Amino acid sequence: MSKLQITWVRSLAGYDRDQRQTIKALGLRRLHQSVEHEDSDTIQGMLHKVRHMVLVSPIPEGPTGKKGA
C-alpha cells in the first residue's frame, strides 16, 4: 500500500469546527507540519474535507526485498 505525505499549509481561522477536528485527527498540530499516512479510503475522505488547507504528495516506495540485501 502506498504512503502519503500530508502538509498543513493554511490556517484554520474562519473554518468550521468539523474541519478543525479533521486536521487534528490527521495528526497535524502546527501549521507547516507534515505527517505520513497509509493511503486508504478513510484518509482520502478526510483529505477531501480539508483539501483547501493541505498539500498531499505520494511517498515513493523503496525497492522490494529484504533490508541490507
N, C-alpha and C. Protein backbone atom coordinates (compact mmCIF):
# COMPACT_ATOMS: atom_id res chain seq x y z
N MET A 1 0.84 -1.17 0.00
CA MET A 1 0.00 0.00 0.00
C MET A 1 0.89 1.25 0.00
N SER A 2 0.48 2.28 -0.70
CA SER A 2 1.29 3.48 -0.82
C SER A 2 1.09 4.41 0.38
N LYS A 3 2.06 5.28 0.57
CA LYS A 3 2.00 6.25 1.66
C LYS A 3 1.85 7.64 1.08
N LEU A 4 1.26 8.52 1.90
CA LEU A 4 1.07 9.91 1.52
C LEU A 4 1.73 10.82 2.55
N GLN A 5 2.34 11.90 2.07
CA GLN A 5 2.84 12.93 2.97
C GLN A 5 1.83 14.07 2.92
N ILE A 6 1.33 14.45 4.09
CA ILE A 6 0.31 15.48 4.20
C ILE A 6 0.90 16.65 4.97
N THR A 7 0.86 17.84 4.37
CA THR A 7 1.41 19.04 4.98
C THR A 7 0.29 20.06 5.14
N TRP A 8 0.17 20.57 6.36
CA TRP A 8 -0.84 21.59 6.66
C TRP A 8 -0.29 22.94 6.25
N VAL A 9 -0.98 23.65 5.31
CA VAL A 9 -0.44 24.88 4.77
C VAL A 9 -1.35 26.10 4.94
N ARG A 10 -2.56 25.93 5.42
CA ARG A 10 -3.47 27.06 5.54
C ARG A 10 -4.11 27.08 6.92
N SER A 11 -4.21 28.25 7.49
CA SER A 11 -4.74 28.43 8.84
C SER A 11 -6.20 27.97 8.94
N LEU A 12 -6.58 27.60 10.15
CA LEU A 12 -7.95 27.18 10.42
C LEU A 12 -8.90 28.35 10.69
N ALA A 13 -8.37 29.54 10.79
CA ALA A 13 -9.18 30.71 11.12
C ALA A 13 -10.34 30.86 10.14
N GLY A 14 -11.55 30.93 10.68
CA GLY A 14 -12.74 31.12 9.87
C GLY A 14 -13.37 29.86 9.34
N TYR A 15 -12.83 28.69 9.66
CA TYR A 15 -13.39 27.43 9.18
C TYR A 15 -14.20 26.74 10.26
N ASP A 16 -15.06 25.85 9.84
CA ASP A 16 -15.96 25.15 10.75
C ASP A 16 -15.22 24.22 11.70
N ARG A 17 -15.89 23.89 12.78
CA ARG A 17 -15.33 23.02 13.82
C ARG A 17 -14.98 21.64 13.27
N ASP A 18 -15.81 21.11 12.38
CA ASP A 18 -15.54 19.77 11.86
C ASP A 18 -14.25 19.73 11.03
N GLN A 19 -13.92 20.83 10.36
CA GLN A 19 -12.66 20.86 9.62
C GLN A 19 -11.48 20.96 10.57
N ARG A 20 -11.64 21.68 11.67
CA ARG A 20 -10.59 21.76 12.69
C ARG A 20 -10.34 20.37 13.28
N GLN A 21 -11.41 19.63 13.54
CA GLN A 21 -11.28 18.29 14.10
C GLN A 21 -10.64 17.33 13.10
N THR A 22 -10.90 17.51 11.82
CA THR A 22 -10.31 16.65 10.80
C THR A 22 -8.80 16.88 10.73
N ILE A 23 -8.36 18.13 10.79
CA ILE A 23 -6.92 18.43 10.80
C ILE A 23 -6.28 17.77 12.01
N LYS A 24 -6.92 17.88 13.16
CA LYS A 24 -6.39 17.27 14.39
C LYS A 24 -6.35 15.75 14.26
N ALA A 25 -7.39 15.16 13.69
CA ALA A 25 -7.46 13.70 13.53
C ALA A 25 -6.38 13.18 12.57
N LEU A 26 -5.96 14.02 11.65
CA LEU A 26 -4.87 13.63 10.75
C LEU A 26 -3.52 13.65 11.46
N GLY A 27 -3.49 14.20 12.67
CA GLY A 27 -2.25 14.23 13.44
C GLY A 27 -1.47 15.52 13.27
N LEU A 28 -2.10 16.52 12.67
CA LEU A 28 -1.44 17.80 12.44
C LEU A 28 -1.70 18.72 13.62
N ARG A 29 -0.64 19.29 14.17
CA ARG A 29 -0.77 20.15 15.34
C ARG A 29 -0.35 21.58 15.06
N ARG A 30 0.59 21.77 14.13
CA ARG A 30 1.12 23.10 13.84
C ARG A 30 1.09 23.35 12.33
N LEU A 31 0.90 24.59 11.95
CA LEU A 31 0.93 24.98 10.56
C LEU A 31 2.30 24.62 9.97
N HIS A 32 2.32 24.13 8.76
CA HIS A 32 3.51 23.69 8.01
C HIS A 32 4.11 22.39 8.55
N GLN A 33 3.40 21.70 9.40
CA GLN A 33 3.84 20.39 9.88
C GLN A 33 3.43 19.34 8.84
N SER A 34 4.24 18.31 8.70
CA SER A 34 3.93 17.21 7.79
C SER A 34 3.80 15.90 8.55
N VAL A 35 2.90 15.05 8.08
CA VAL A 35 2.73 13.71 8.64
C VAL A 35 2.63 12.72 7.48
N GLU A 36 2.87 11.45 7.79
CA GLU A 36 2.74 10.39 6.80
C GLU A 36 1.60 9.47 7.20
N HIS A 37 0.81 9.06 6.21
CA HIS A 37 -0.28 8.12 6.44
C HIS A 37 -0.34 7.14 5.28
N GLU A 38 -0.79 5.94 5.57
CA GLU A 38 -1.08 4.97 4.51
C GLU A 38 -2.28 5.49 3.73
N ASP A 39 -2.26 5.30 2.42
CA ASP A 39 -3.37 5.72 1.58
C ASP A 39 -4.53 4.74 1.77
N SER A 40 -5.65 5.26 2.23
CA SER A 40 -6.84 4.44 2.43
C SER A 40 -8.08 5.29 2.13
N ASP A 41 -9.21 4.64 2.03
CA ASP A 41 -10.46 5.37 1.77
C ASP A 41 -10.76 6.36 2.89
N THR A 42 -10.48 5.98 4.13
CA THR A 42 -10.73 6.85 5.27
C THR A 42 -9.89 8.12 5.18
N ILE A 43 -8.61 7.96 4.92
CA ILE A 43 -7.71 9.11 4.80
C ILE A 43 -8.11 9.96 3.61
N GLN A 44 -8.47 9.34 2.50
CA GLN A 44 -8.90 10.09 1.31
C GLN A 44 -10.13 10.94 1.62
N GLY A 45 -11.07 10.40 2.38
CA GLY A 45 -12.26 11.16 2.77
C GLY A 45 -11.91 12.36 3.64
N MET A 46 -10.98 12.15 4.59
CA MET A 46 -10.55 13.25 5.45
C MET A 46 -9.83 14.32 4.62
N LEU A 47 -9.00 13.90 3.69
CA LEU A 47 -8.28 14.85 2.85
C LEU A 47 -9.24 15.63 1.95
N HIS A 48 -10.28 14.98 1.49
CA HIS A 48 -11.26 15.67 0.66
C HIS A 48 -11.93 16.80 1.44
N LYS A 49 -12.19 16.57 2.71
CA LYS A 49 -12.86 17.56 3.55
C LYS A 49 -12.00 18.79 3.78
N VAL A 50 -10.67 18.61 3.86
CA VAL A 50 -9.77 19.75 4.15
C VAL A 50 -8.80 19.99 2.99
N ARG A 51 -9.19 19.64 1.78
CA ARG A 51 -8.30 19.72 0.62
C ARG A 51 -7.78 21.13 0.36
N HIS A 52 -8.49 22.16 0.79
CA HIS A 52 -8.07 23.54 0.60
C HIS A 52 -7.06 23.99 1.65
N MET A 53 -6.77 23.16 2.65
CA MET A 53 -5.85 23.53 3.73
C MET A 53 -4.58 22.70 3.76
N VAL A 54 -4.50 21.66 2.94
CA VAL A 54 -3.35 20.76 3.00
C VAL A 54 -2.75 20.54 1.61
N LEU A 55 -1.47 20.16 1.60
CA LEU A 55 -0.81 19.68 0.40
C LEU A 55 -0.56 18.20 0.59
N VAL A 56 -0.83 17.42 -0.42
CA VAL A 56 -0.66 15.97 -0.35
C VAL A 56 0.28 15.54 -1.46
N SER A 57 1.29 14.75 -1.08
CA SER A 57 2.20 14.21 -2.08
C SER A 57 2.47 12.74 -1.76
N PRO A 58 2.55 11.90 -2.80
CA PRO A 58 2.85 10.49 -2.57
C PRO A 58 4.31 10.31 -2.16
N ILE A 59 4.55 9.33 -1.33
CA ILE A 59 5.91 8.98 -0.93
C ILE A 59 6.30 7.76 -1.75
N PRO A 60 7.36 7.88 -2.56
CA PRO A 60 7.74 6.72 -3.38
C PRO A 60 8.17 5.55 -2.52
N GLU A 61 7.75 4.37 -2.92
CA GLU A 61 8.12 3.16 -2.19
C GLU A 61 9.54 2.75 -2.59
N GLY A 62 10.27 2.26 -1.61
CA GLY A 62 11.64 1.81 -1.86
C GLY A 62 11.63 0.51 -2.62
N PRO A 63 12.83 0.03 -2.96
CA PRO A 63 12.90 -1.26 -3.67
C PRO A 63 12.41 -2.40 -2.78
N THR A 64 11.82 -3.37 -3.41
CA THR A 64 11.33 -4.53 -2.65
C THR A 64 12.48 -5.44 -2.30
N GLY A 65 12.28 -6.23 -1.31
CA GLY A 65 13.33 -7.15 -0.89
C GLY A 65 13.69 -6.92 0.56
N LYS A 66 14.60 -7.74 1.05
CA LYS A 66 14.99 -7.64 2.45
C LYS A 66 15.94 -6.49 2.69
N LYS A 67 15.86 -5.96 3.86
CA LYS A 67 16.73 -4.85 4.26
C LYS A 67 18.17 -5.36 4.37
N GLY A 68 19.11 -4.58 3.83
CA GLY A 68 20.52 -4.95 3.93
C GLY A 68 20.98 -5.97 2.89
N ALA A 69 20.10 -6.35 2.00
CA ALA A 69 20.47 -7.35 0.99
C ALA A 69 20.99 -6.71 -0.27
